[in-house]
Protein backbone atom coordinates (compact mmCIF):
# COMPACT_ATOMS: atom_id res chain seq x y z
CA UNK A 1 -1.28 -0.90 -7.81
CA UNK A 2 0.19 -4.49 -9.43
CA UNK A 3 0.39 -4.91 -4.76
CA UNK A 4 -3.94 -3.87 -4.22
CA UNK A 5 -4.92 -5.60 -7.50
CA UNK A 6 -3.17 -8.39 -5.44
CA UNK A 7 -4.06 -8.10 -1.82
CA UNK A 8 -0.49 -7.86 -1.38
CA UNK A 9 0.12 -5.24 2.54
CA UNK A 10 2.92 -5.84 3.43
CA UNK A 11 5.60 -5.71 -0.32
CA UNK A 12 9.26 -4.84 -0.77
CA UNK A 13 9.63 -2.99 -4.27
CA UNK A 14 13.24 -3.68 -5.81
CA UNK A 15 12.89 -0.31 -8.75
CA UNK A 16 15.89 1.65 -10.45
CA UNK A 17 14.77 4.79 -12.36
CA UNK A 18 16.51 4.59 -15.99
CA UNK A 19 17.70 8.44 -17.89
CA UNK A 20 14.17 9.66 -19.60
CA UNK A 21 12.77 9.78 -15.36
CA UNK A 22 11.13 5.84 -16.12
CA UNK A 23 10.45 3.14 -13.09
CA UNK A 24 12.14 -0.07 -13.73
CA UNK A 25 10.60 -2.57 -10.81
CA UNK A 26 12.91 -6.19 -11.29
CA UNK A 27 11.36 -7.98 -7.91
CA UNK A 28 8.99 -7.96 -5.01
CA UNK A 29 9.67 -9.79 -1.44
CA UNK A 30 6.89 -10.13 0.08
CA UNK A 31 9.05 -11.87 2.74
CA UNK A 32 12.36 -9.96 3.42
CA UNK A 33 15.30 -9.11 5.43
CA UNK A 34 15.02 -5.85 6.45
CA UNK A 35 18.52 -3.13 6.35
CA UNK A 36 18.36 -0.75 9.10
CA UNK A 37 21.74 1.03 8.54
CA UNK A 38 20.20 1.49 4.98
CA UNK A 39 17.10 3.00 6.06
CA UNK A 40 19.38 4.87 8.39
CA UNK A 41 20.93 6.50 5.53
CA UNK A 42 18.46 6.50 4.79
CA UNK A 43 16.13 8.63 7.05
CA UNK A 44 12.95 6.50 6.40
CA UNK A 45 11.39 4.69 8.59
CA UNK A 46 12.40 1.24 9.51
CA UNK A 47 10.62 -1.45 7.51
CA UNK A 48 10.39 -4.02 10.68
CA UNK A 49 8.78 -0.86 12.55
CA UNK A 50 5.88 0.34 10.55
CA UNK A 51 6.13 -4.07 9.37
CA UNK A 52 4.53 -4.01 13.57
CA UNK A 53 2.96 -1.07 13.42
CA UNK A 54 0.99 -2.31 9.88
CA UNK A 55 -0.18 -5.57 11.95
CA UNK A 56 -0.51 -4.34 15.66
CA UNK A 57 -3.35 -1.72 13.15
CA UNK A 58 -4.76 -4.72 11.53
CA UNK A 59 -5.85 -7.00 14.62
CA UNK A 60 -7.63 -3.81 16.46
CA UNK A 61 -9.70 -4.08 12.96
CA UNK A 62 -10.22 -7.53 14.37
CA UNK A 63 -10.68 -7.49 17.73
CA UNK A 64 -13.55 -4.26 17.84
CA UNK A 65 -15.28 -6.41 15.00
């Protein structure tokens, strides 16, 4: 919700979950180096690829306007 309220579209949010299931955010990065090895182990789409896809979509929107 914080990212939407601040109009932040691209960010890395670092968090931990406590023993009671609570989620604690301890860092928000809007300019970060992605760790492709960690992303591969986690089985997620690499962050750099997600950013490129997002920016491509935004570029197409601008071209259409």
